[in-house]
Amino acid sequence: MGIETQVEVKPRKGGFRTMPFIIVNESFERVASYGLQFNMLMYLMTYYNMTAATGTCILGLWAALSNGLAIVGAIIADSYWGRFRAVAFGSISTLIGMIILWLTAMIPQLKSLSCSEIHHVCNGPTTLQRAVLFLSLGFMSIGAGFVRPCSIIFGADQLENKQNPENGRILDSYFNWYYASSGVSTILAVTLIVYIQDLYGWKIGFGVPVILMFLSVLMFQIGSPLYIKVKAKDTENLVVGLFQALVAAFRKRNTRLSLSDCDEYYRWPLESEVLTPSMDFRFLNRACMIEDAERDLNPDGSASNPWKLCSLEQVESLKALLRVLPMWSTGFMIFVDMNVFAFSLLQTKTMDRHIFPHLQVPAASFSVFMIIALTIWIAFYDRVLVPLLSKYTGQPRGLSPVTRMGIGLIASSLSIALSAITESIRRQRAIEEGHEDDPNALVNMSAMWFVPQYALLGVAEAAHAVGQIEFLYALLPKSMSSTASAMYTVGTAVSSLIGSILVSSVDCLTSTGGKTSWLSSNINQGHIDYFFWLLTVLNLLNLLYFLLICWFYEAGNNGSSNSAHVAEDKECDYRLLSES
């Protein structure tokens, strides 16, 4: 009877009935979080009297922390908490951060006075005011680190049923709807939330995301009795295993390596198909060499000290990771370009943003053109170009992943070069109209001139990011499939950090000797165009670096190898891509 009762209860957990709770949770969280980001630079400059460069640096560090913590959140969810607790904790943490940020807009003592309120005599924020601001950003970063890598997989847990022959189709439908809702949410954040902030001010503009995030937490908790809550796996974490291989190789650095493969290597599990280590990065082979079987192994065949003896599989996984690092690093510049695009907010704010006589686009909403271009490119490439190109290239995806990565880098370089040209024209026109000392004056120039550069950057991200994920997925072992998504996330974090350092360095170096910084808050006196030209040069150097890396890679390792692996599981890459 006990068994029969279990069989009756099981179907009541999970299933499509949980989807409204999970998708609403993710959608509201995305609208609330993204709605705060696009206009945040103006809030920092207005109420914390920060320069444009300082504000951009802080936003870059915020993005770096949020993306970096996504790796921590995924590890904790998989190894300790389980995904339900991770998403619940992350949602509540994000809500707390948003409430604190909203309080900075509501309570005058939590922010410094605007310069215009005290006759242009600007006082910087106090230590307490900075602490409260950074506390809010910290809570939101922690929340993003737990929600975004876990939410999508938690939803898949509710629908996965390997005994159902329609399991694949159901999961595919779920992922499509999930990302459709994510795309709509992002567009709403860029348009509706930004519009509310511009029209009604920060009190309401920050209050609306708080309400949405509260509803997100509430909906997720209401669905709790219906969820399938998969417990955390009590298995060794992949990241820990890679560190163990490094440490073991270092500790045994004085051990001699034979020129042949006659050494005895540790394999775990024992039925592993990997028999001998590869010959590249041979110094790492020491990590899996058995020197003394009685000392190194337990009676059951496992390693007595995993930090001194690692499995052959761990060593080969580490080697695979080292092989793809150079190509992975070529993608940093695209995300650096996207991070410093915050300066475009200051540019478009001084221009005519009317599409129609009575319809004006908020300055922070111009990012929607990048999102639209990204979406159009993915759909156009997948539905139109792939069938045409695959006939001529022999590639199942039309162009090889490396080729698409190269297209992304070229598009990114063109976008930044176009930004430099457009800003040169805007700045010259502002000076000719007598606005050199007034950064808020409206220049007689349409902001629609900025649409092409946003569109190019959207195409760059779409082409390079998807190509990079496929490249990593093809070259990494199947046991490291999720690492491709993790590396994408880490790449965005590193890029945000690089962008912040670059902005800070340029601001400091160009303002020496009392000179006006290129990145001055008065963009009519500064030279953002020079900064964009600097980025263009860095993008071109990065493109040369990319070509050099391509030359070193064998033709069979261009992302088209291991085609069976890619064809079998390629959809996982796309699904995990946006969550990073």
Protein backbone atom coordinates (compact mmCIF):
# COMPACT_ATOMS: atom_id res chain seq x y z
CA MET A 1 0.00 0.00 0.00
CA GLY A 2 2.87 2.32 0.82
CA ILE A 3 4.28 1.89 -2.66
CA GLU A 4 0.91 2.51 -4.28
CA THR A 5 0.51 5.73 -2.27
CA GLN A 6 3.88 6.98 -3.56
CA VAL A 7 2.90 6.30 -7.15
CA GLU A 8 -0.29 8.32 -6.67
CA VAL A 9 1.45 11.30 -5.07
CA LYS A 10 4.37 11.65 -7.52
CA PRO A 11 2.45 12.98 -10.54
CA ARG A 12 1.12 15.86 -8.43
CA LYS A 13 4.62 17.32 -8.26
CA GLY A 14 6.09 19.28 -11.14
CA GLY A 15 4.60 19.44 -14.60
CA PHE A 16 3.24 22.36 -16.59
CA ARG A 17 1.25 23.63 -13.63
CA THR A 18 4.51 24.95 -12.13
CA MET A 19 5.50 26.91 -15.23
CA PRO A 20 3.50 30.10 -14.48
CA PHE A 21 5.21 30.42 -11.09
CA ILE A 22 8.72 29.85 -12.45
CA ILE A 23 8.43 31.93 -15.62
CA VAL A 24 6.70 34.81 -13.80
CA ASN A 25 9.45 34.71 -11.16
CA GLU A 26 12.17 34.94 -13.81
CA SER A 27 10.34 37.51 -15.96
CA PHE A 28 9.56 39.90 -13.10
CA GLU A 29 13.10 39.51 -11.74
CA ARG A 30 14.54 40.36 -15.14
CA VAL A 31 12.27 43.37 -15.70
CA ALA A 32 13.06 44.68 -12.21
CA SER A 33 16.84 44.09 -12.35
CA TYR A 34 17.47 45.21 -15.92
CA GLY A 35 15.13 48.16 -15.46
CA LEU A 36 17.51 49.52 -12.83
CA GLN A 37 20.72 49.08 -14.83
CA PHE A 38 20.22 51.09 -18.00
CA ASN A 39 19.51 54.44 -16.32
CA MET A 40 21.69 53.93 -13.24
CA LEU A 41 24.52 56.11 -14.52
CA MET A 42 22.27 59.18 -14.48
CA TYR A 43 21.18 58.43 -10.90
CA LEU A 44 24.78 58.13 -9.71
CA MET A 45 25.79 61.36 -11.45
CA THR A 46 22.75 63.30 -10.22
CA TYR A 47 22.37 62.17 -6.61
CA TYR A 48 25.87 60.97 -5.73
CA ASN A 49 27.70 63.68 -7.69
CA MET A 50 29.89 61.11 -9.40
CA THR A 51 31.69 61.83 -12.63
CA ALA A 52 30.71 59.87 -15.72
CA ALA A 53 33.95 57.87 -15.49
CA THR A 54 33.49 56.98 -11.81
CA GLY A 55 29.87 55.99 -12.34
CA THR A 56 30.78 53.80 -15.32
CA CYS A 57 33.53 52.12 -13.28
CA ILE A 58 31.12 51.32 -10.45
CA LEU A 59 28.54 49.91 -12.86
CA GLY A 60 31.25 47.80 -14.49
CA LEU A 61 32.33 46.40 -11.13
CA TRP A 62 28.68 45.70 -10.28
CA ALA A 63 28.29 43.72 -13.52
CA ALA A 64 31.56 41.87 -12.88
CA LEU A 65 30.44 40.89 -9.38
CA SER A 66 27.00 39.75 -10.57
CA ASN A 67 28.45 37.57 -13.33
CA GLY A 68 31.26 36.25 -11.19
CA LEU A 69 28.92 35.23 -8.40
CA ALA A 70 26.83 33.25 -10.91
CA ILE A 71 29.59 30.63 -10.87
CA VAL A 72 29.51 30.53 -7.06
CA GLY A 73 25.72 30.28 -7.07
CA ALA A 74 25.74 27.39 -9.53
CA ILE A 75 28.34 25.47 -7.49
CA ILE A 76 26.47 25.97 -4.21
CA ALA A 77 23.16 24.97 -5.82
CA ASP A 78 24.59 21.81 -7.41
CA SER A 79 26.70 20.67 -4.48
CA TYR A 80 24.96 21.89 -1.30
CA TRP A 81 21.59 23.62 -1.41
CA GLY A 82 19.72 22.38 -4.43
CA ARG A 83 18.20 24.69 -7.03
CA PHE A 84 14.96 25.52 -5.20
CA ARG A 85 16.73 26.97 -2.18
CA ALA A 86 19.22 28.78 -4.43
CA VAL A 87 16.49 30.51 -6.47
CA ALA A 88 14.48 31.34 -3.33
CA PHE A 89 17.52 32.81 -1.57
CA GLY A 90 18.61 34.73 -4.67
CA SER A 91 15.15 36.22 -5.22
CA ILE A 92 14.92 37.43 -1.63
CA SER A 93 18.46 38.85 -1.76
CA THR A 94 17.61 40.78 -4.95
CA LEU A 95 14.43 42.12 -3.32
CA ILE A 96 16.38 43.34 -0.28
CA GLY A 97 18.89 45.10 -2.53
CA MET A 98 16.15 46.82 -4.51
CA ILE A 99 14.39 47.97 -1.36
CA ILE A 100 17.62 49.51 -0.06
CA LEU A 101 18.19 51.26 -3.40
CA TRP A 102 14.60 52.54 -3.39
CA LEU A 103 15.15 53.89 0.14
CA THR A 104 18.10 55.94 -1.14
CA ALA A 105 15.65 57.72 -3.44
CA MET A 106 13.00 58.11 -0.71
CA ILE A 107 15.19 59.27 2.20
CA PRO A 108 17.12 62.50 1.47
CA GLN A 109 19.79 61.68 4.09
CA LEU A 110 20.83 58.59 2.11
CA LYS A 111 22.00 60.55 -0.93
CA SER A 112 23.91 63.76 -1.48
CA LEU A 113 22.15 66.86 -2.77
CA SER A 114 22.05 67.51 -6.47
CA CYS A 115 24.47 70.20 -7.64
CA SER A 116 21.63 72.28 -9.02
CA GLU A 117 20.03 72.42 -5.59
CA ILE A 118 23.01 74.14 -4.00
CA HIS A 119 24.03 76.52 -6.76
CA HIS A 120 26.45 74.17 -8.47
CA VAL A 121 28.57 73.67 -5.34
CA CYS A 122 28.82 69.87 -5.33
CA ASN A 123 29.48 67.89 -2.20
CA GLY A 124 30.36 64.23 -2.63
CA PRO A 125 28.48 61.47 -0.84
CA THR A 126 29.39 60.63 2.75
CA THR A 127 30.83 57.29 3.80
CA LEU A 128 27.42 56.18 5.07
CA GLN A 129 25.72 57.13 1.81
CA ARG A 130 28.29 55.21 -0.21
CA ALA A 131 28.00 52.21 2.11
CA VAL A 132 24.22 52.07 1.72
CA LEU A 133 24.51 52.34 -2.08
CA PHE A 134 27.14 49.61 -2.31
CA LEU A 135 25.15 47.44 0.10
CA SER A 136 22.15 47.59 -2.22
CA LEU A 137 24.29 46.71 -5.26
CA GLY A 138 25.92 43.88 -3.31
CA PHE A 139 22.60 42.29 -2.35
CA MET A 140 21.41 42.50 -5.96
CA SER A 141 24.66 40.94 -7.22
CA ILE A 142 24.31 38.03 -4.79
CA GLY A 143 20.70 37.58 -5.87
CA ALA A 144 21.59 37.55 -9.56
CA GLY A 145 24.38 35.07 -8.85
CA PHE A 146 21.88 32.55 -7.50
CA VAL A 147 18.77 33.19 -9.62
CA ARG A 148 20.09 33.39 -13.16
CA PRO A 149 22.17 30.18 -13.38
CA CYS A 150 19.59 28.11 -11.48
CA SER A 151 16.15 29.34 -12.53
CA ILE A 152 16.13 27.86 -16.03
CA ILE A 153 17.40 24.46 -14.90
CA PHE A 154 14.96 24.42 -11.99
CA GLY A 155 12.15 24.81 -14.51
CA ALA A 156 13.55 21.92 -16.57
CA ASP A 157 13.54 19.77 -13.41
CA GLN A 158 9.75 20.16 -13.26
CA LEU A 159 9.22 18.81 -16.79
CA GLU A 160 11.97 16.26 -17.28
CA ASN A 161 10.66 12.71 -17.53
CA LYS A 162 13.05 10.41 -19.35
CA GLN A 163 10.41 7.69 -19.56
CA ASN A 164 8.18 9.97 -21.66
CA PRO A 165 9.00 9.66 -25.40
CA GLU A 166 7.94 13.30 -25.81
CA ASN A 167 10.41 14.46 -23.14
CA GLY A 168 12.75 16.13 -25.63
CA ARG A 169 9.98 18.01 -27.40
CA ILE A 170 8.48 19.18 -24.09
CA LEU A 171 11.82 20.48 -22.81
CA ASP A 172 12.51 22.19 -26.13
CA SER A 173 9.13 23.91 -25.96
CA TYR A 174 9.84 25.00 -22.38
CA PHE A 175 13.20 26.52 -23.29
CA ASN A 176 11.66 28.37 -26.24
CA TRP A 177 8.91 29.86 -24.05
CA TYR A 178 11.40 30.63 -21.29
CA TYR A 179 13.62 32.66 -23.58
CA ALA A 180 10.69 34.27 -25.32
CA SER A 181 9.55 35.56 -21.92
CA SER A 182 13.11 36.64 -21.11
CA GLY A 183 13.36 38.60 -24.34
CA VAL A 184 10.03 40.33 -23.74
CA SER A 185 11.08 41.08 -20.16
CA THR A 186 14.34 42.68 -21.26
CA ILE A 187 12.58 44.87 -23.82
CA LEU A 188 10.03 45.94 -21.20
CA ALA A 189 12.87 46.81 -18.83
CA VAL A 190 14.66 48.91 -21.45
CA THR A 191 11.51 50.73 -22.51
CA LEU A 192 8.73 50.78 -19.91
CA ILE A 193 10.79 50.98 -16.69
CA VAL A 194 13.16 53.54 -18.17
CA TYR A 195 10.19 55.59 -19.39
CA ILE A 196 8.66 55.55 -15.89
CA GLN A 197 11.97 56.70 -14.39
CA ASP A 198 12.27 59.56 -16.87
CA LEU A 199 8.63 60.66 -16.56
CA TYR A 200 7.86 60.15 -12.86
CA GLY A 201 11.30 60.34 -11.21
CA TRP A 202 13.39 57.94 -9.19
CA LYS A 203 11.01 57.38 -6.27
CA ILE A 204 8.43 55.78 -8.53
CA GLY A 205 11.06 54.58 -11.01
CA PHE A 206 12.76 52.49 -8.29
CA GLY A 207 9.48 51.67 -6.54
CA VAL A 208 7.98 49.85 -9.53
CA PRO A 209 10.91 47.35 -9.74
CA VAL A 210 10.54 46.73 -5.98
CA ILE A 211 6.86 45.85 -6.47
CA LEU A 212 7.68 43.59 -9.42
CA MET A 213 10.42 41.84 -7.45
CA PHE A 214 8.10 41.35 -4.49
CA LEU A 215 5.56 39.72 -6.82
CA SER A 216 8.37 37.59 -8.25
CA VAL A 217 9.30 36.28 -4.78
CA LEU A 218 5.65 35.80 -3.84
CA MET A 219 4.77 33.83 -6.98
CA PHE A 220 7.78 31.56 -6.59
CA GLN A 221 6.92 30.78 -2.98
CA ILE A 222 3.23 30.18 -3.73
CA GLY A 223 4.21 27.42 -6.14
CA SER A 224 6.50 25.73 -3.62
CA PRO A 225 4.13 22.81 -2.76
CA LEU A 226 3.96 21.88 -6.44
CA TYR A 227 7.68 21.82 -7.21
CA ILE A 228 9.95 18.85 -7.72
CA LYS A 229 12.91 19.79 -5.52
CA VAL A 230 15.94 17.88 -6.72
CA LYS A 231 18.47 17.46 -3.95
CA ALA A 232 22.04 18.63 -4.38
CA LYS A 233 24.35 15.96 -5.72
CA ASP A 234 26.86 14.64 -3.23
CA THR A 235 29.56 14.44 -5.87
CA GLU A 236 32.90 16.07 -6.44
CA ASN A 237 32.60 19.47 -8.02
CA LEU A 238 34.28 19.88 -11.40
CA VAL A 239 35.97 23.17 -10.42
CA VAL A 240 37.40 21.57 -7.28
CA GLY A 241 38.63 18.66 -9.38
CA LEU A 242 40.51 21.01 -11.71
CA PHE A 243 42.18 22.74 -8.76
CA GLN A 244 43.12 19.35 -7.33
CA ALA A 245 44.85 18.45 -10.60
CA LEU A 246 46.85 21.68 -10.53
CA VAL A 247 47.85 21.25 -6.89
CA ALA A 248 48.77 17.58 -7.37
CA ALA A 249 50.94 18.39 -10.40
CA PHE A 250 52.71 21.15 -8.47
CA ARG A 251 53.31 18.97 -5.40
CA LYS A 252 54.83 16.26 -7.60
CA ARG A 253 56.80 18.66 -9.79
CA ASN A 254 60.08 16.87 -9.02
CA THR A 255 58.75 13.47 -10.10
CA ARG A 256 60.41 12.26 -13.30
CA LEU A 257 58.25 11.65 -16.34
CA SER A 258 59.13 8.73 -18.60
CA LEU A 259 59.39 9.24 -22.33
CA SER A 260 56.95 6.39 -22.94
CA ASP A 261 53.50 5.62 -21.59
CA CYS A 262 54.69 2.82 -19.36
CA ASP A 263 53.86 4.70 -16.15
CA GLU A 264 50.90 3.55 -14.09
CA TYR A 265 48.13 6.15 -14.05
CA TYR A 266 45.22 6.48 -11.66
CA ARG A 267 41.77 6.10 -13.24
CA TRP A 268 38.52 6.71 -11.40
CA PRO A 269 35.98 5.35 -12.00
CA LEU A 270 37.82 2.13 -12.80
CA GLU A 271 35.80 1.52 -15.98
CA SER A 272 37.01 4.78 -17.50
CA GLU A 273 37.60 4.72 -21.25
CA VAL A 274 40.62 7.06 -21.05
CA LEU A 275 43.68 4.81 -21.00
CA THR A 276 46.71 7.08 -21.44
CA PRO A 277 47.24 10.83 -21.01
CA SER A 278 47.72 13.11 -24.01
CA MET A 279 51.19 14.37 -24.82
CA ASP A 280 50.54 18.11 -24.60
CA PHE A 281 50.98 19.80 -21.22
CA ARG A 282 52.92 16.71 -20.13
CA PHE A 283 53.92 18.31 -16.84
CA LEU A 284 50.32 17.83 -15.68
CA ASN A 285 50.61 14.06 -16.17
CA ARG A 286 52.44 13.88 -12.85
CA ALA A 287 49.15 14.59 -11.09
CA CYS A 288 47.72 11.17 -12.06
CA MET A 289 50.92 9.10 -11.77
CA ILE A 290 50.82 6.39 -9.10
CA GLU A 291 54.18 6.38 -7.32
CA ASP A 292 53.38 3.97 -4.48
CA ALA A 293 50.11 2.02 -4.81
CA GLU A 294 49.95 1.12 -1.11
CA ARG A 295 50.40 4.73 -0.06
CA ASP A 296 48.44 6.47 -2.81
CA LEU A 297 45.36 4.21 -3.01
CA ASN A 298 42.64 3.11 -0.60
CA PRO A 299 41.53 -0.55 -0.45
CA ASP A 300 38.59 0.23 -2.78
CA GLY A 301 40.92 1.70 -5.41
CA SER A 302 40.14 5.36 -4.74
CA ALA A 303 42.84 7.97 -4.10
CA SER A 304 43.86 8.32 -0.46
CA ASN A 305 44.66 12.04 -0.98
CA PRO A 306 42.88 13.65 -3.95
CA TRP A 307 45.11 16.73 -3.61
CA LYS A 308 48.17 14.61 -4.36
CA LEU A 309 46.79 11.99 -6.75
CA CYS A 310 44.12 12.86 -9.29
CA SER A 311 42.36 10.75 -11.86
CA LEU A 312 43.45 10.71 -15.48
CA GLU A 313 40.03 12.15 -16.35
CA GLN A 314 40.64 15.20 -14.12
CA VAL A 315 44.01 15.83 -15.78
CA GLU A 316 42.56 15.54 -19.29
CA SER A 317 39.70 17.89 -18.34
CA LEU A 318 42.22 20.46 -17.14
CA LYS A 319 44.20 20.11 -20.37
CA ALA A 320 41.05 20.59 -22.43
CA LEU A 321 40.33 23.78 -20.50
CA LEU A 322 43.87 25.11 -21.08
CA ARG A 323 43.57 24.41 -24.82
CA VAL A 324 40.52 26.67 -25.23
CA LEU A 325 41.63 29.53 -22.98
CA PRO A 326 43.42 31.53 -25.74
CA MET A 327 40.39 31.50 -28.06
CA TRP A 328 38.06 32.22 -25.12
CA SER A 329 40.08 35.32 -24.22
CA THR A 330 39.51 36.86 -27.67
CA GLY A 331 35.91 37.62 -26.68
CA PHE A 332 36.77 40.02 -23.87
CA MET A 333 36.81 43.12 -26.05
CA ILE A 334 33.22 42.74 -27.24
CA PHE A 335 31.93 42.89 -23.68
CA VAL A 336 34.32 45.72 -22.84
CA ASP A 337 32.70 47.64 -25.72
CA MET A 338 29.25 46.89 -24.34
CA ASN A 339 30.19 48.00 -20.82
CA VAL A 340 31.62 51.36 -21.87
CA PHE A 341 28.56 52.00 -24.04
CA ALA A 342 27.15 53.62 -20.89
CA PHE A 343 28.72 56.83 -22.20
CA SER A 344 26.27 56.70 -25.11
CA LEU A 345 23.57 57.52 -22.58
CA LEU A 346 25.18 60.94 -22.07
CA GLN A 347 25.41 61.45 -25.82
CA THR A 348 21.83 60.55 -26.73
CA LYS A 349 20.51 62.61 -23.82
CA THR A 350 21.78 65.78 -25.54
CA MET A 351 20.23 64.97 -28.92
CA ASP A 352 16.83 64.99 -30.58
CA ARG A 353 15.32 61.63 -29.65
CA HIS A 354 11.96 62.02 -31.40
CA ILE A 355 10.84 59.24 -33.72
CA PHE A 356 7.57 61.05 -34.36
CA PRO A 357 6.65 64.62 -33.37
CA HIS A 358 4.95 63.45 -30.17
CA LEU A 359 7.02 60.32 -29.47
CA GLN A 360 10.43 60.73 -27.83
CA VAL A 361 12.61 57.73 -27.00
CA PRO A 362 14.22 57.87 -23.52
CA ALA A 363 18.01 58.07 -23.77
CA ALA A 364 18.52 54.84 -21.82
CA SER A 365 16.06 52.98 -24.08
CA PHE A 366 18.35 53.10 -27.11
CA SER A 367 19.79 49.76 -25.96
CA VAL A 368 16.59 48.20 -27.25
CA PHE A 369 17.97 48.60 -30.79
CA MET A 370 20.87 46.34 -29.79
CA ILE A 371 18.47 43.72 -28.43
CA ILE A 372 16.31 43.88 -31.55
CA ALA A 373 19.35 43.54 -33.84
CA LEU A 374 20.61 40.58 -31.80
CA THR A 375 17.24 38.83 -32.06
CA ILE A 376 16.88 39.50 -35.80
CA TRP A 377 20.40 38.27 -36.53
CA ILE A 378 19.91 34.98 -34.66
CA ALA A 379 16.57 34.33 -36.38
CA PHE A 380 17.86 35.38 -39.82
CA TYR A 381 21.05 33.33 -39.51
CA ASP A 382 19.27 30.23 -38.21
CA ARG A 383 16.34 30.26 -40.65
CA VAL A 384 17.82 31.81 -43.80
CA LEU A 385 21.62 31.72 -43.86
CA VAL A 386 22.19 28.26 -42.38
CA PRO A 387 20.23 26.38 -45.10
CA LEU A 388 21.99 28.39 -47.82
CA LEU A 389 25.53 28.35 -46.45
CA SER A 390 25.53 24.70 -45.32
CA LYS A 391 25.24 23.63 -48.98
CA TYR A 392 28.52 25.35 -49.84
CA THR A 393 30.55 25.06 -46.64
CA GLY A 394 29.58 21.55 -45.59
CA GLN A 395 29.09 22.88 -42.05
CA PRO A 396 25.79 21.83 -40.41
CA ARG A 397 25.55 25.32 -38.87
CA GLY A 398 26.42 27.17 -42.10
CA LEU A 399 29.66 28.75 -40.92
CA SER A 400 32.14 27.28 -38.47
CA PRO A 401 32.02 28.63 -34.91
CA VAL A 402 35.41 30.30 -35.37
CA THR A 403 34.24 32.10 -38.52
CA ARG A 404 31.19 33.42 -36.69
CA MET A 405 33.40 34.56 -33.81
CA GLY A 406 35.51 36.47 -36.33
CA ILE A 407 32.40 38.11 -37.81
CA GLY A 408 31.43 39.20 -34.31
CA LEU A 409 34.83 40.77 -33.69
CA ILE A 410 34.71 42.65 -37.02
CA ALA A 411 31.18 43.92 -36.31
CA SER A 412 32.26 45.08 -32.86
CA SER A 413 35.24 46.98 -34.30
CA LEU A 414 32.99 48.66 -36.87
CA SER A 415 30.49 49.60 -34.16
CA ILE A 416 33.10 51.35 -32.03
CA ALA A 417 34.67 53.10 -35.03
CA LEU A 418 31.23 54.35 -36.06
CA SER A 419 30.67 55.54 -32.47
CA ALA A 420 33.88 57.58 -32.64
CA ILE A 421 32.87 59.20 -35.94
CA THR A 422 29.34 59.99 -34.73
CA GLU A 423 30.62 61.51 -31.48
CA SER A 424 33.14 63.67 -33.36
CA ILE A 425 30.29 65.10 -35.44
CA ARG A 426 28.03 65.58 -32.39
CA ARG A 427 30.73 67.29 -30.34
CA GLN A 428 31.72 69.62 -33.19
CA ARG A 429 28.11 70.60 -33.74
CA ALA A 430 27.58 71.23 -30.00
CA ILE A 431 30.61 73.59 -29.92
CA GLU A 432 29.46 75.40 -33.07
CA GLU A 433 26.07 75.98 -31.45
CA GLY A 434 27.73 77.46 -28.34
CA HIS A 435 27.07 74.58 -25.95
CA GLU A 436 30.67 73.89 -24.91
CA ASP A 437 30.00 74.80 -21.27
CA ASP A 438 26.51 73.29 -21.11
CA PRO A 439 26.55 69.46 -21.30
CA ASN A 440 22.76 69.32 -20.96
CA ALA A 441 21.98 71.58 -23.91
CA LEU A 442 20.10 69.97 -26.79
CA VAL A 443 22.17 69.67 -29.97
CA ASN A 444 20.44 70.05 -33.32
CA MET A 445 21.15 66.46 -34.37
CA SER A 446 19.00 63.37 -34.41
CA ALA A 447 19.90 60.61 -31.93
CA MET A 448 18.88 58.10 -34.61
CA TRP A 449 22.46 58.41 -35.87
CA PHE A 450 23.35 56.13 -32.95
CA VAL A 451 21.03 53.31 -34.04
CA PRO A 452 23.53 51.71 -36.51
CA GLN A 453 26.24 51.38 -33.86
CA TYR A 454 23.81 49.76 -31.41
CA ALA A 455 22.62 47.41 -34.16
CA LEU A 456 26.20 46.44 -35.09
CA LEU A 457 27.04 45.72 -31.47
CA GLY A 458 23.94 43.51 -31.20
CA VAL A 459 25.03 41.54 -34.28
CA ALA A 460 28.54 41.30 -32.81
CA GLU A 461 27.30 39.80 -29.57
CA ALA A 462 24.96 37.37 -31.31
CA ALA A 463 27.56 36.11 -33.80
CA HIS A 464 30.50 35.88 -31.40
CA ALA A 465 28.72 34.60 -28.29
CA VAL A 466 26.90 31.72 -29.98
CA GLY A 467 30.01 30.82 -31.97
CA GLN A 468 32.15 30.83 -28.84
CA ILE A 469 29.75 28.59 -26.95
CA GLU A 470 29.71 26.09 -29.82
CA PHE A 471 33.50 26.21 -30.10
CA LEU A 472 33.98 25.54 -26.40
CA TYR A 473 31.34 22.84 -26.38
CA ALA A 474 32.97 21.03 -29.31
CA LEU A 475 36.46 20.98 -27.81
CA LEU A 476 35.65 20.26 -24.17
CA PRO A 477 34.88 16.70 -23.01
CA LYS A 478 31.21 15.84 -22.66
CA SER A 479 31.61 15.76 -18.87
CA MET A 480 32.45 19.48 -19.07
CA SER A 481 29.44 20.51 -21.18
CA SER A 482 28.20 23.02 -18.62
CA THR A 483 31.68 24.54 -18.45
CA ALA A 484 31.06 26.24 -21.81
CA SER A 485 28.26 28.29 -20.27
CA ALA A 486 30.32 28.89 -17.13
CA MET A 487 33.26 30.20 -19.18
CA TYR A 488 30.94 32.58 -21.02
CA THR A 489 29.74 33.93 -17.69
CA VAL A 490 33.28 34.29 -16.36
CA GLY A 491 34.24 36.03 -19.61
CA THR A 492 31.56 38.69 -19.12
CA ALA A 493 32.74 39.20 -15.53
CA VAL A 494 36.38 39.58 -16.58
CA SER A 495 35.37 41.95 -19.39
CA SER A 496 33.40 44.14 -16.99
CA LEU A 497 36.44 44.32 -14.72
CA ILE A 498 38.74 45.16 -17.64
CA GLY A 499 36.30 47.84 -18.80
CA SER A 500 36.26 49.47 -15.36
CA ILE A 501 40.07 49.47 -15.16
CA LEU A 502 40.33 50.90 -18.67
CA VAL A 503 37.87 53.72 -17.97
CA SER A 504 39.56 54.58 -14.68
CA SER A 505 43.03 54.57 -16.27
CA VAL A 506 42.04 56.74 -19.24
CA ASP A 507 40.24 59.20 -16.97
CA CYS A 508 43.26 59.46 -14.69
CA LEU A 509 45.92 59.73 -17.41
CA THR A 510 44.07 62.25 -19.58
CA SER A 511 43.25 64.58 -16.68
CA THR A 512 46.84 64.99 -15.45
CA GLY A 513 48.22 68.49 -15.26
CA GLY A 514 44.79 70.04 -14.81
CA LYS A 515 43.67 69.06 -18.33
CA THR A 516 40.06 68.13 -19.09
CA SER A 517 39.63 64.39 -19.06
CA TRP A 518 38.55 62.64 -22.24
CA LEU A 519 35.77 61.14 -20.12
CA SER A 520 34.65 64.38 -18.52
CA SER A 521 31.04 64.55 -17.36
CA ASN A 522 30.80 67.57 -19.67
CA ILE A 523 31.02 65.58 -22.87
CA ASN A 524 31.24 68.76 -24.94
CA GLN A 525 34.56 69.62 -23.27
CA GLY A 526 35.81 66.04 -23.02
CA HIS A 527 36.73 63.75 -25.88
CA ILE A 528 34.67 60.58 -25.76
CA ASP A 529 35.46 60.26 -29.48
CA TYR A 530 39.17 59.85 -28.62
CA PHE A 531 38.25 57.14 -26.14
CA PHE A 532 36.21 55.35 -28.80
CA TRP A 533 39.14 55.57 -31.21
CA LEU A 534 41.34 54.02 -28.53
CA LEU A 535 38.81 51.19 -28.20
CA THR A 536 38.81 50.80 -31.98
CA VAL A 537 42.59 50.31 -31.96
CA LEU A 538 42.29 47.79 -29.12
CA ASN A 539 39.56 45.96 -31.06
CA LEU A 540 41.78 45.76 -34.14
CA LEU A 541 44.69 44.46 -32.06
CA ASN A 542 42.33 41.90 -30.55
CA LEU A 543 41.27 40.88 -34.06
CA LEU A 544 44.93 40.30 -35.00
CA TYR A 545 45.35 38.28 -31.80
CA PHE A 546 42.29 36.24 -32.81
CA LEU A 547 43.79 35.52 -36.24
CA LEU A 548 47.05 34.47 -34.61
CA ILE A 549 45.20 32.09 -32.30
CA CYS A 550 43.32 30.66 -35.30
CA TRP A 551 46.64 30.02 -37.00
CA PHE A 552 47.83 28.00 -34.02
CA TYR A 553 44.71 25.87 -33.82
CA GLU A 554 44.52 22.86 -36.08
CA ALA A 555 41.85 22.95 -38.75
CA GLY A 556 40.09 20.05 -37.10
CA ASN A 557 39.74 21.99 -33.84
CA ASN A 558 37.84 24.97 -35.28
CA GLY A 559 34.65 23.98 -33.59
CA SER A 560 33.53 21.67 -36.39
CA SER A 561 35.23 18.66 -34.90
CA ASN A 562 33.40 16.36 -32.61
CA SER A 563 30.35 17.09 -34.73
CA ALA A 564 28.43 14.21 -33.24
CA HIS A 565 28.86 15.72 -29.81
CA VAL A 566 27.70 19.13 -31.00
CA ALA A 567 24.77 17.78 -32.97
CA GLU A 568 23.57 15.67 -30.09
CA ASP A 569 23.52 18.36 -27.41
CA LYS A 570 23.99 21.70 -29.15
CA GLU A 571 20.69 23.06 -27.87
CA CYS A 572 22.04 23.08 -24.34
CA ASP A 573 24.56 25.73 -25.37
CA TYR A 574 21.90 28.12 -26.61
CA ARG A 575 19.74 27.58 -23.58
CA LEU A 576 22.49 28.31 -21.13
CA LEU A 577 23.96 31.21 -23.10
CA SER A 578 21.57 33.97 -22.07
CA GLU A 579 21.61 32.92 -18.46
CA SER A 580 25.14 33.89 -18.03
